[in-house]
């Protein structure tokens, strides 16, 4: 028998950000973010490879620094926030690659469509802040096809190029704070 701690971590939203980038007119990137989101991690000890990770973002909190574009993204052509107010992610695995690099796999739900997604993660480490809280940091990056989630609106330019690319790049800076530790006993 050995004692193991089950840790619960919650995202520190004041030190985290959830951004995305999409090619506009196929010549530059436009950046947006979700201002309201939540995430939890349940881990065995401080080994995140056996973690359960949950994330959700409020669609109405989308911010691209343009109110007209934000309202379009919240509408039926894209997220349809009235009918689908949140997008969510549930992990299925968190695998160590090498050094501080990991692969996070799970199910991403946007609108009423759930698809598997794989994300690259860089583990920044664990430390105590000046107030004695234990913090863990992660940088998460990945790509997805927006049309695979029903976000299919587009238009063509005079030259025949699309206005908005199908590929969306995701970038998350996540700082978690340990909020609970429970001792468990495992056979072994």
Protein backbone atom coordinates (compact mmCIF):
# COMPACT_ATOMS: atom_id res chain seq x y z
CA UNK A 1 0.00 0.00 0.00
CA UNK A 2 1.20 3.49 -0.75
CA UNK A 3 -0.25 6.89 0.01
CA UNK A 4 -0.90 9.17 -2.94
CA UNK A 5 -2.25 12.67 -2.97
CA UNK A 6 -5.03 13.64 -5.33
CA UNK A 7 -4.60 17.31 -6.14
CA UNK A 8 -7.26 19.64 -7.45
CA UNK A 9 -6.11 22.72 -9.36
CA UNK A 10 -8.21 25.60 -10.68
CA UNK A 11 -7.18 28.08 -13.33
CA UNK A 12 -6.05 31.49 -12.14
CA UNK A 13 -7.89 33.58 -14.73
CA UNK A 14 -5.98 36.76 -13.83
CA UNK A 15 -2.73 35.09 -14.93
CA UNK A 16 -4.08 33.06 -17.85
CA UNK A 17 -5.33 33.76 -21.37
CA UNK A 18 -7.19 31.86 -24.08
CA UNK A 19 -6.42 33.20 -27.56
CA UNK A 20 -6.97 32.14 -31.14
CA UNK A 21 -5.61 33.33 -34.48
CA UNK A 22 -7.23 33.10 -37.90
CA UNK A 23 -5.87 34.23 -41.26
CA UNK A 24 -7.85 37.18 -42.63
CA UNK A 25 -7.80 37.70 -46.41
CA UNK A 26 -5.06 35.05 -46.32
CA UNK A 27 -2.44 37.79 -45.76
CA UNK A 28 -2.47 38.51 -42.00
CA UNK A 29 -3.63 36.97 -38.77
CA UNK A 30 -6.51 38.29 -36.69
CA UNK A 31 -6.38 37.53 -32.96
CA UNK A 32 -9.27 36.96 -30.62
CA UNK A 33 -9.67 35.78 -27.07
CA UNK A 34 -12.23 34.54 -24.60
CA UNK A 35 -12.38 36.76 -21.50
CA UNK A 36 -14.51 34.37 -19.38
CA UNK A 37 -13.33 30.80 -18.96
CA UNK A 38 -12.77 28.18 -16.30
CA UNK A 39 -10.65 25.07 -16.00
CA UNK A 40 -9.81 22.41 -13.46
CA UNK A 41 -7.15 19.73 -13.23
CA UNK A 42 -7.27 16.67 -11.00
CA UNK A 43 -3.86 15.05 -10.70
CA UNK A 44 -2.13 12.31 -8.76
CA UNK A 45 0.55 13.99 -6.67
CA UNK A 46 2.24 16.55 -8.94
CA UNK A 47 2.36 14.10 -11.86
CA UNK A 48 0.08 15.63 -14.47
CA UNK A 49 0.31 12.62 -16.81
CA UNK A 50 -2.53 10.98 -14.90
CA UNK A 51 -4.66 14.13 -14.89
CA UNK A 52 -8.27 14.78 -15.68
CA UNK A 53 -8.53 18.22 -17.31
CA UNK A 54 -11.75 20.14 -17.93
CA UNK A 55 -12.10 23.53 -19.63
CA UNK A 56 -14.97 25.73 -20.76
CA UNK A 57 -15.29 29.24 -22.18
CA UNK A 58 -18.30 31.53 -22.38
CA UNK A 59 -18.90 32.34 -26.05
CA UNK A 60 -20.39 35.77 -25.30
CA UNK A 61 -17.02 36.77 -23.79
CA UNK A 62 -15.30 36.62 -27.20
CA UNK A 63 -13.18 39.70 -27.90
CA UNK A 64 -11.45 40.49 -31.19
CA UNK A 65 -11.22 44.25 -30.49
CA UNK A 66 -14.05 44.88 -32.98
CA UNK A 67 -17.63 44.88 -31.66
CA UNK A 68 -19.20 44.24 -35.08
CA UNK A 69 -16.95 41.20 -35.69
CA UNK A 70 -17.54 39.96 -32.13
CA UNK A 71 -21.31 40.11 -32.66
CA UNK A 72 -20.94 38.24 -35.97
CA UNK A 73 -18.88 35.53 -34.23
CA UNK A 74 -21.54 35.20 -31.51
CA UNK A 75 -24.30 34.84 -34.14
CA UNK A 76 -25.64 31.89 -36.13
CA UNK A 77 -22.91 32.06 -38.81
CA UNK A 78 -20.34 31.05 -36.21
CA UNK A 79 -20.77 30.09 -32.53
CA UNK A 80 -24.53 30.79 -32.14
CA UNK A 81 -24.03 31.79 -28.51
CA UNK A 82 -27.74 32.08 -27.84
CA UNK A 83 -28.23 28.37 -28.49
CA UNK A 84 -24.71 27.18 -27.53
CA UNK A 85 -23.43 29.53 -24.78
CA UNK A 86 -20.23 27.58 -23.97
CA UNK A 87 -17.50 25.63 -25.68
CA UNK A 88 -15.82 22.89 -23.69
CA UNK A 89 -12.90 20.47 -23.55
CA UNK A 90 -12.49 17.20 -21.61
CA UNK A 91 -9.14 15.42 -21.60
CA UNK A 92 -8.64 11.77 -22.47
CA UNK A 93 -4.85 11.67 -21.95
CA UNK A 94 -1.85 13.80 -21.03
CA UNK A 95 1.33 12.12 -22.27
CA UNK A 96 4.94 13.08 -21.59
CA UNK A 97 7.03 13.43 -24.78
CA UNK A 98 10.40 14.67 -23.54
CA UNK A 99 11.76 17.35 -21.23
CA UNK A 100 8.95 19.82 -20.51
CA UNK A 101 6.92 18.79 -23.57
CA UNK A 102 3.63 16.90 -23.36
CA UNK A 103 0.72 15.96 -25.63
CA UNK A 104 -2.81 16.65 -24.41
CA UNK A 105 -5.63 14.75 -26.11
CA UNK A 106 -9.33 15.11 -25.53
CA UNK A 107 -12.73 16.04 -26.85
CA UNK A 108 -13.54 19.61 -27.87
CA UNK A 109 -17.19 20.63 -28.15
CA UNK A 110 -18.16 23.72 -30.11
CA UNK A 111 -21.86 24.31 -30.82
CA UNK A 112 -23.31 20.77 -30.70
CA UNK A 113 -20.33 19.10 -32.35
CA UNK A 114 -17.72 17.14 -30.38
CA UNK A 115 -14.48 16.09 -32.04
CA UNK A 116 -11.15 14.71 -30.81
CA UNK A 117 -8.28 17.18 -30.65
CA UNK A 118 -4.59 16.87 -29.83
CA UNK A 119 -2.66 19.81 -28.38
CA UNK A 120 1.02 20.45 -27.68
CA UNK A 121 1.82 21.46 -24.11
CA UNK A 122 4.91 22.97 -22.55
CA UNK A 123 4.99 22.51 -18.78
CA UNK A 124 6.42 25.64 -17.15
CA UNK A 125 6.85 24.07 -13.73
CA UNK A 126 5.47 24.34 -10.21
CA UNK A 127 6.29 27.10 -7.73
CA UNK A 128 4.91 28.91 -4.69
CA UNK A 129 3.78 32.48 -5.11
CA UNK A 130 4.56 35.21 -2.49
CA UNK A 131 1.26 34.40 -0.71
CA UNK A 132 2.09 30.70 -0.24
CA UNK A 133 -0.12 29.34 -3.00
CA UNK A 134 1.24 26.47 -5.09
CA UNK A 135 1.02 27.31 -8.81
CA UNK A 136 1.60 25.29 -11.98
CA UNK A 137 2.06 26.80 -15.44
CA UNK A 138 1.37 25.48 -18.94
CA UNK A 139 1.52 26.79 -22.51
CA UNK A 140 -0.94 24.97 -24.78
CA UNK A 141 -0.89 25.24 -28.58
CA UNK A 142 -2.87 23.56 -31.31
CA UNK A 143 -4.83 23.86 -34.52
CA UNK A 144 -8.36 23.00 -35.53
CA UNK A 145 -10.64 23.22 -38.54
CA UNK A 146 -13.47 25.62 -37.72
CA UNK A 147 -15.72 24.10 -40.40
CA UNK A 148 -15.48 20.73 -38.62
CA UNK A 149 -17.38 22.39 -35.75
CA UNK A 150 -20.05 24.01 -37.92
CA UNK A 151 -18.40 27.44 -38.12
CA UNK A 152 -18.58 27.57 -41.90
CA UNK A 153 -19.33 31.18 -42.85
CA UNK A 154 -17.00 32.67 -45.44
CA UNK A 155 -16.88 35.03 -48.38
CA UNK A 156 -14.60 35.47 -51.36
CA UNK A 157 -12.48 38.46 -52.28
CA UNK A 158 -12.45 39.89 -55.82
CA UNK A 159 -9.37 37.78 -56.54
CA UNK A 160 -11.11 34.60 -55.36
CA UNK A 161 -9.35 34.21 -52.00
CA UNK A 162 -11.35 33.35 -48.91
CA UNK A 163 -11.88 36.07 -46.32
CA UNK A 164 -11.35 33.82 -43.27
CA UNK A 165 -9.17 30.70 -43.22
CA UNK A 166 -10.59 27.37 -42.09
CA UNK A 167 -7.58 26.73 -39.83
CA UNK A 168 -7.71 28.26 -36.37
CA UNK A 169 -4.59 28.32 -34.21
CA UNK A 170 -5.16 28.10 -30.46
CA UNK A 171 -2.79 29.48 -27.84
CA UNK A 172 -3.48 29.15 -24.12
CA UNK A 173 -1.31 30.42 -21.28
CA UNK A 174 -2.65 28.66 -18.18
CA UNK A 175 -1.60 29.18 -14.58
CA UNK A 176 -3.29 26.87 -12.09
CA UNK A 177 -3.47 27.17 -8.32
CA UNK A 178 -3.61 24.08 -6.10
CA UNK A 179 -6.82 24.32 -4.05
CA UNK A 180 -7.22 20.88 -2.53
CA UNK A 181 -5.15 17.87 -1.61
CA UNK A 182 -6.76 14.58 -0.62
CA UNK A 183 -4.76 11.56 0.56
CA UNK A 184 -5.67 8.25 -1.04
CA UNK A 185 -4.28 4.77 -0.45
CA UNK A 186 -3.43 2.60 -3.46
CA UNK A 187 -2.53 -1.06 -3.41
CA UNK A 188 0.88 -1.72 -4.74
